[in-house]
């Protein structure tokens, strides 16, 4: 009798991408801590992305002053990186525990490899793909995903 191995066709990142601010203004980079790049799967097929600097991010609508927002970083089978903007939340409501941040869902046939949180101070705005991540009035935190999307929203 032949053994049966069910196929799940999973989509997930299997190594830490090392997301960080890119060298060029308003870009990101992948710099895996082990220097070997990022391994990921889409619908059960494995792929590899070498570490890359100065990745242009997808332009999105302007993020308002005094808000915090999550941006999902995803990759397709060709190694093209794109981003998706989540819902903006009042930074005050987030800090006071009256709101949470939820990651946007990845697009079909794309693997989520991580993301970043942008908190915008009073009198500033942020535009993904235009505003530098180290600009005055911005606090940016990077997250790497391994094995899938985070199950819980961020509370701070």
Protein backbone atom coordinates (compact mmCIF):
# COMPACT_ATOMS: atom_id res chain seq x y z
CA UNK A 1 0.00 0.00 0.00
CA UNK A 2 1.32 3.43 -0.93
CA UNK A 3 1.43 6.12 1.76
CA UNK A 4 -0.79 9.14 1.29
CA UNK A 5 0.69 12.57 2.09
CA UNK A 6 -1.89 15.32 2.12
CA UNK A 7 -0.89 18.56 0.47
CA UNK A 8 -1.72 21.80 2.23
CA UNK A 9 -0.39 24.20 -0.38
CA UNK A 10 0.75 26.57 2.38
CA UNK A 11 1.85 30.17 1.98
CA UNK A 12 4.39 31.40 4.52
CA UNK A 13 7.83 32.88 5.05
CA UNK A 14 10.32 30.37 6.47
CA UNK A 15 13.22 32.66 7.39
CA UNK A 16 13.58 36.06 8.99
CA UNK A 17 13.62 38.67 6.20
CA UNK A 18 15.38 41.33 8.27
CA UNK A 19 13.13 44.17 7.14
CA UNK A 20 14.64 47.61 7.69
CA UNK A 21 14.82 51.09 6.24
CA UNK A 22 16.52 51.16 2.84
CA UNK A 23 19.61 53.23 2.09
CA UNK A 24 17.76 55.43 -0.41
CA UNK A 25 14.99 57.73 0.87
CA UNK A 26 11.51 56.19 1.25
CA UNK A 27 12.61 52.60 0.55
CA UNK A 28 12.95 49.40 2.56
CA UNK A 29 15.40 46.51 2.46
CA UNK A 30 15.63 42.85 3.32
CA UNK A 31 18.79 41.91 5.17
CA UNK A 32 18.35 38.43 6.61
CA UNK A 33 20.36 38.08 9.84
CA UNK A 34 22.03 34.92 8.51
CA UNK A 35 22.97 36.68 5.24
CA UNK A 36 21.30 33.96 3.19
CA UNK A 37 18.21 35.83 1.97
CA UNK A 38 14.55 34.97 2.54
CA UNK A 39 12.91 31.59 1.94
CA UNK A 40 9.15 31.51 1.41
CA UNK A 41 6.35 29.48 -0.16
CA UNK A 42 3.22 30.41 -2.10
CA UNK A 43 0.53 27.73 -2.41
CA UNK A 44 3.06 25.06 -1.49
CA UNK A 45 5.81 26.06 -3.95
CA UNK A 46 9.14 27.23 -2.50
CA UNK A 47 11.01 30.40 -3.51
CA UNK A 48 14.08 32.37 -2.45
CA UNK A 49 14.73 36.14 -2.41
CA UNK A 50 18.30 37.37 -2.03
CA UNK A 51 18.88 40.25 0.39
CA UNK A 52 17.96 43.47 -1.42
CA UNK A 53 18.41 47.16 -0.56
CA UNK A 54 16.39 50.15 -1.81
CA UNK A 55 13.13 48.30 -2.49
CA UNK A 56 10.54 50.83 -3.68
CA UNK A 57 7.35 50.56 -1.65
CA UNK A 58 3.83 50.82 -2.99
CA UNK A 59 2.31 54.30 -2.93
CA UNK A 60 -0.76 54.58 -0.70
CA UNK A 61 -3.04 57.35 0.49
CA UNK A 62 -1.62 59.84 2.97
CA UNK A 63 -1.57 58.73 6.62
CA UNK A 64 -3.01 61.50 8.79
CA UNK A 65 -1.37 63.32 11.65
CA UNK A 66 -1.52 61.68 15.09
CA UNK A 67 -2.31 58.22 13.71
CA UNK A 68 -0.62 54.83 13.72
CA UNK A 69 -0.92 52.34 10.87
CA UNK A 70 0.40 48.92 9.85
CA UNK A 71 1.84 48.28 6.39
CA UNK A 72 2.10 44.67 5.21
CA UNK A 73 5.15 43.68 3.16
CA UNK A 74 4.39 40.85 0.72
CA UNK A 75 6.24 39.10 -2.10
CA UNK A 76 5.17 37.22 -5.23
CA UNK A 77 6.68 34.16 -6.92
CA UNK A 78 8.95 36.37 -9.06
CA UNK A 79 10.42 38.04 -5.97
CA UNK A 80 8.63 41.36 -6.46
CA UNK A 81 7.93 43.06 -3.14
CA UNK A 82 4.83 45.20 -2.56
CA UNK A 83 3.05 46.72 0.42
CA UNK A 84 -0.55 47.03 1.62
CA UNK A 85 -1.78 49.73 3.97
CA UNK A 86 -3.89 48.79 6.96
CA UNK A 87 -6.45 50.95 8.72
CA UNK A 88 -5.21 54.09 10.44
CA UNK A 89 -5.93 54.30 14.15
CA UNK A 90 -5.76 57.33 16.44
CA UNK A 91 -2.47 57.09 18.33
CA UNK A 92 -4.23 58.38 21.46
CA UNK A 93 -6.90 55.67 21.26
CA UNK A 94 -4.22 53.03 20.69
CA UNK A 95 -2.17 54.25 23.66
CA UNK A 96 -5.25 54.33 25.89
CA UNK A 97 -6.22 50.77 24.90
CA UNK A 98 -9.41 51.80 23.07
CA UNK A 99 -8.16 50.65 19.65
CA UNK A 100 -5.94 47.95 18.13
CA UNK A 101 -3.95 47.64 14.92
CA UNK A 102 -4.81 44.83 12.52
CA UNK A 103 -2.56 43.60 9.73
CA UNK A 104 -4.08 43.90 6.25
CA UNK A 105 -4.72 40.60 4.47
CA UNK A 106 -2.15 39.68 1.82
CA UNK A 107 -3.15 39.68 -1.84
CA UNK A 108 -3.84 36.34 -3.54
CA UNK A 109 -0.67 34.54 -4.68
CA UNK A 110 1.55 36.69 -2.47
CA UNK A 111 3.40 35.73 0.69
CA UNK A 112 3.51 38.06 3.72
CA UNK A 113 7.14 38.35 4.87
CA UNK A 114 6.69 41.11 7.44
CA UNK A 115 5.59 44.66 7.81
CA UNK A 116 6.11 47.94 9.56
CA UNK A 117 4.20 50.22 11.89
CA UNK A 118 4.24 53.97 11.28
CA UNK A 119 3.30 56.35 14.09
CA UNK A 120 2.89 59.94 12.92
CA UNK A 121 3.38 62.81 15.37
CA UNK A 122 1.34 66.01 15.64
CA UNK A 123 1.67 68.35 12.63
CA UNK A 124 3.11 65.66 10.33
CA UNK A 125 1.73 63.22 7.76
CA UNK A 126 3.19 60.12 6.11
CA UNK A 127 2.94 58.95 2.52
CA UNK A 128 4.21 55.43 1.82
CA UNK A 129 6.70 55.55 -1.03
CA UNK A 130 7.34 59.28 -0.61
CA UNK A 131 8.12 60.02 3.05
CA UNK A 132 11.45 58.74 4.37
CA UNK A 133 11.11 56.35 7.32
CA UNK A 134 13.61 58.36 9.37
CA UNK A 135 11.92 61.72 8.69
CA UNK A 136 11.09 64.04 11.57
CA UNK A 137 7.73 63.20 13.14
CA UNK A 138 7.81 59.49 12.14
CA UNK A 139 8.39 56.48 14.38
CA UNK A 140 8.73 53.31 12.31
CA UNK A 141 8.98 49.79 13.75
CA UNK A 142 9.75 46.77 11.53
CA UNK A 143 8.39 43.23 11.99
CA UNK A 144 9.46 39.95 10.37
CA UNK A 145 6.94 37.11 9.92
CA UNK A 146 8.00 33.46 10.10
CA UNK A 147 5.52 30.64 9.46
CA UNK A 148 2.54 32.87 8.64
CA UNK A 149 0.71 36.00 9.68
CA UNK A 150 0.48 37.13 13.31
CA UNK A 151 -2.72 35.80 14.89
CA UNK A 152 -3.38 38.75 17.19
CA UNK A 153 -3.68 42.47 16.54
CA UNK A 154 -1.07 44.87 17.94
CA UNK A 155 -2.22 46.73 21.03
CA UNK A 156 0.56 49.33 21.14
